C-alpha atoms as a PDB file:
ATOM      1  CA  MET A   1     -37.268  -7.868  52.241  1.00  0.00           C
ATOM      2  CA  ASN A   2     -35.878 -10.046  49.515  1.00  0.00           C
ATOM      3  CA  LEU A   3     -32.851  -9.075  47.489  1.00  0.00           C
ATOM      4  CA  THR A   4     -31.740 -10.770  44.308  1.00  0.00           C
ATOM      5  CA  ILE A   5     -28.115 -10.662  43.213  1.00  0.00           C
ATOM      6  CA  GLN A   6     -26.871 -11.804  39.846  1.00  0.00           C
ATOM      7  CA  LEU A   7     -23.434 -13.473  39.980  1.00  0.00           C
ATOM      8  CA  ASP A   8     -21.740 -15.601  37.404  1.00  0.00           C
ATOM      9  CA  GLU A   9     -21.420 -19.292  38.281  1.00  0.00           C
ATOM     10  CA  GLN A  10     -17.736 -19.108  39.209  1.00  0.00           C
ATOM     11  CA  LYS A  11     -18.221 -16.219  41.655  1.00  0.00           C
ATOM     12  CA  ARG A  12     -21.331 -17.776  43.172  1.00  0.00           C
ATOM     13  CA  THR A  13     -19.513 -21.053  43.756  1.00  0.00           C
ATOM     14  CA  ALA A  14     -16.534 -19.251  45.308  1.00  0.00           C
ATOM     15  CA  VAL A  15     -18.755 -17.205  47.641  1.00  0.00           C
ATOM     16  CA  GLU A  16     -20.747 -20.262  48.701  1.00  0.00           C
ATOM     17  CA  ALA A  17     -17.517 -22.201  49.384  1.00  0.00           C
ATOM     18  CA  TRP A  18     -16.054 -19.321  51.410  1.00  0.00           C
ATOM     19  CA  ALA A  19     -19.248 -18.922  53.410  1.00  0.00           C
ATOM     20  CA  LYS A  20     -19.441 -22.646  54.125  1.00  0.00           C
ATOM     21  CA  ALA A  21     -15.757 -22.768  55.151  1.00  0.00           C
ATOM     22  CA  HIS A  22     -16.407 -19.949  57.641  1.00  0.00           C
ATOM     23  CA  GLY A  23     -19.670 -21.343  59.001  1.00  0.00           C
ATOM     24  CA  GLU A  24     -21.805 -18.676  57.354  1.00  0.00           C
ATOM     25  CA  THR A  25     -24.472 -18.488  54.719  1.00  0.00           C
ATOM     26  CA  VAL A  26     -24.234 -16.267  51.679  1.00  0.00           C
ATOM     27  CA  GLU A  27     -27.289 -14.390  52.968  1.00  0.00           C
ATOM     28  CA  LYS A  28     -25.558 -13.669  56.302  1.00  0.00           C
ATOM     29  CA  LEU A  29     -22.369 -12.548  54.522  1.00  0.00           C
ATOM     30  CA  VAL A  30     -24.319 -10.112  52.366  1.00  0.00           C
ATOM     31  CA  GLU A  31     -26.281  -8.884  55.395  1.00  0.00           C
ATOM     32  CA  LYS A  32     -23.086  -8.307  57.403  1.00  0.00           C
ATOM     33  CA  PHE A  33     -21.457  -6.555  54.462  1.00  0.00           C
ATOM     34  CA  LEU A  34     -24.412  -4.194  54.039  1.00  0.00           C
ATOM     35  CA  GLU A  35     -24.532  -3.442  57.776  1.00  0.00           C
ATOM     36  CA  LYS A  36     -20.813  -2.643  57.745  1.00  0.00           C
ATOM     37  CA  LEU A  37     -21.255  -0.447  54.690  1.00  0.00           C
ATOM     38  CA  VAL A  38     -24.058   1.528  56.347  1.00  0.00           C
ATOM     39  CA  THR A  39     -22.175   1.843  59.655  1.00  0.00           C
ATOM     40  CA  GLU A  40     -18.997   3.081  57.977  1.00  0.00           C
ATOM     41  CA  SER A  41     -21.038   5.474  55.860  1.00  0.00           C
ATOM     42  CA  ASP A  42     -22.768   6.818  58.985  1.00  0.00           C
ATOM     43  CA  GLN A  43     -19.420   7.287  60.740  1.00  0.00           C
ATOM     44  CA  THR A  44     -17.958   9.056  57.710  1.00  0.00           C
ATOM     45  CA  SER A  45     -21.005  11.315  57.533  1.00  0.00           C
ATOM     46  CA  LYS A  46     -20.752  12.034  61.253  1.00  0.00           C
ATOM     47  CA  ARG A  47     -17.052  12.931  60.959  1.00  0.00           C
ATOM     48  CA  ALA A  48     -17.752  15.165  57.968  1.00  0.00           C
ATOM     49  CA  TYR A  49     -20.550  16.903  59.886  1.00  0.00           C
ATOM     50  CA  GLN A  50     -18.283  17.429  62.911  1.00  0.00           C
ATOM     51  CA  GLU A  51     -15.540  18.901  60.710  1.00  0.00           C
ATOM     52  CA  MET A  52     -18.051  21.197  59.052  1.00  0.00           C
ATOM     53  CA  GLU A  53     -19.394  22.215  62.471  1.00  0.00           C
ATOM     54  CA  LYS A  54     -15.863  23.106  63.637  1.00  0.00           C
ATOM     55  CA  SER A  55     -15.342  25.341  60.643  1.00  0.00           C
ATOM     56  CA  PHE A  56     -18.518  27.276  61.512  1.00  0.00           C
ATOM     57  CA  SER A  57     -17.694  27.626  65.209  1.00  0.00           C
ATOM     58  CA  ARG A  58     -15.758  30.854  64.788  1.00  0.00           C
ATOM     59  CA  PRO A  59     -17.708  34.072  65.185  1.00  0.00           C
ATOM     60  CA  LEU A  60     -18.446  36.050  62.060  1.00  0.00           C
ATOM     61  CA  ILE A  61     -19.863  39.508  61.538  1.00  0.00           C
ATOM     62  CA  THR A  62     -23.248  38.956  60.000  1.00  0.00           C
ATOM     63  CA  ASP A  63     -24.946  41.096  57.400  1.00  0.00           C
ATOM     64  CA  GLU A  64     -27.249  42.469  60.091  1.00  0.00           C
ATOM     65  CA  ILE A  65     -24.305  43.633  62.202  1.00  0.00           C
ATOM     66  CA  ARG A  66     -22.712  45.217  59.141  1.00  0.00           C
ATOM     67  CA  ARG A  67     -25.980  47.003  58.390  1.00  0.00           C
ATOM     68  CA  LEU A  68     -26.165  48.303  61.967  1.00  0.00           C
ATOM     69  CA  GLN A  69     -22.538  49.446  61.781  1.00  0.00           C
ATOM     70  CA  ASP A  70     -23.297  51.323  58.571  1.00  0.00           C
ATOM     71  CA  GLU A  71     -26.343  52.986  60.173  1.00  0.00           C
ATOM     72  CA  ALA A  72     -24.262  53.973  63.213  1.00  0.00           C
ATOM     73  CA  GLY A  73     -21.487  55.340  61.014  1.00  0.00           C
ATOM     74  CA  ILE A  74     -18.932  52.808  62.227  1.00  0.00           C
ATOM     75  CA  LYS A  75     -16.265  52.135  59.640  1.00  0.00           C
ATOM     76  CA  SER A  76     -15.160  48.527  59.192  1.00  0.00           C
ATOM     77  CA  VAL A  77     -11.462  47.763  59.462  1.00  0.00           C
ATOM     78  CA  THR A  78     -10.301  45.920  56.355  1.00  0.00           C
ATOM     79  CA  ASP A  79      -7.700  43.766  58.124  1.00  0.00           C
ATOM     80  CA  PHE A  80      -9.943  42.926  61.091  1.00  0.00           C
ATOM     81  CA  ASP A  81      -9.617  39.262  62.150  1.00  0.00           C
ATOM     82  CA  GLU A  82     -12.820  38.159  63.867  1.00  0.00           C
ATOM     83  CA  ARG A  83     -11.263  34.968  65.201  1.00  0.00           C
ATOM     84  CA  GLU A  84      -8.285  36.769  66.746  1.00  0.00           C
ATOM     85  CA  ASP A  85     -10.546  39.438  68.244  1.00  0.00           C
ATOM     86  CA  PHE A  86     -12.817  36.787  69.740  1.00  0.00           C
ATOM     87  CA  GLU A  87      -9.849  34.870  71.188  1.00  0.00           C
ATOM     88  CA  ASN A  88      -8.518  38.093  72.731  1.00  0.00           C
ATOM     89  CA  HIS A  89     -11.965  38.832  74.169  1.00  0.00           C
ATOM     90  CA  ILE A  90     -12.127  35.382  75.789  1.00  0.00           C
ATOM     91  CA  LYS A  91      -8.601  35.761  77.194  1.00  0.00           C
ATOM     92  CA  ARG A  92      -9.482  39.155  78.701  1.00  0.00           C
ATOM     93  CA  LYS A  93     -12.782  37.854  80.030  1.00  0.00           C
ATOM     94  CA  HIS A  94     -11.189  34.907  81.833  1.00  0.00           C
ATOM     95  CA  ALA A  95      -7.978  36.631  82.925  1.00  0.00           C
END
């Protein structure tokens, strides 16, 4: 794939000089920059996904369970904490 970049003369000269001083070509510098950009973006996306996944890891009462509770005549407790109840369940289970 070919990519064309428009730079003013001063910037182009500066980039070419920097690349030459570091034993690189402008093409390689741009390629490395784009690879780094994609890699960092992938890592950021992965971290964001992991954080989102953590927030969904706690158990929640679903609409279906609520519907079944209503059919069975079970009244929901307004201050019920699903996370605390689940943690207590796990503690009892593994005690």
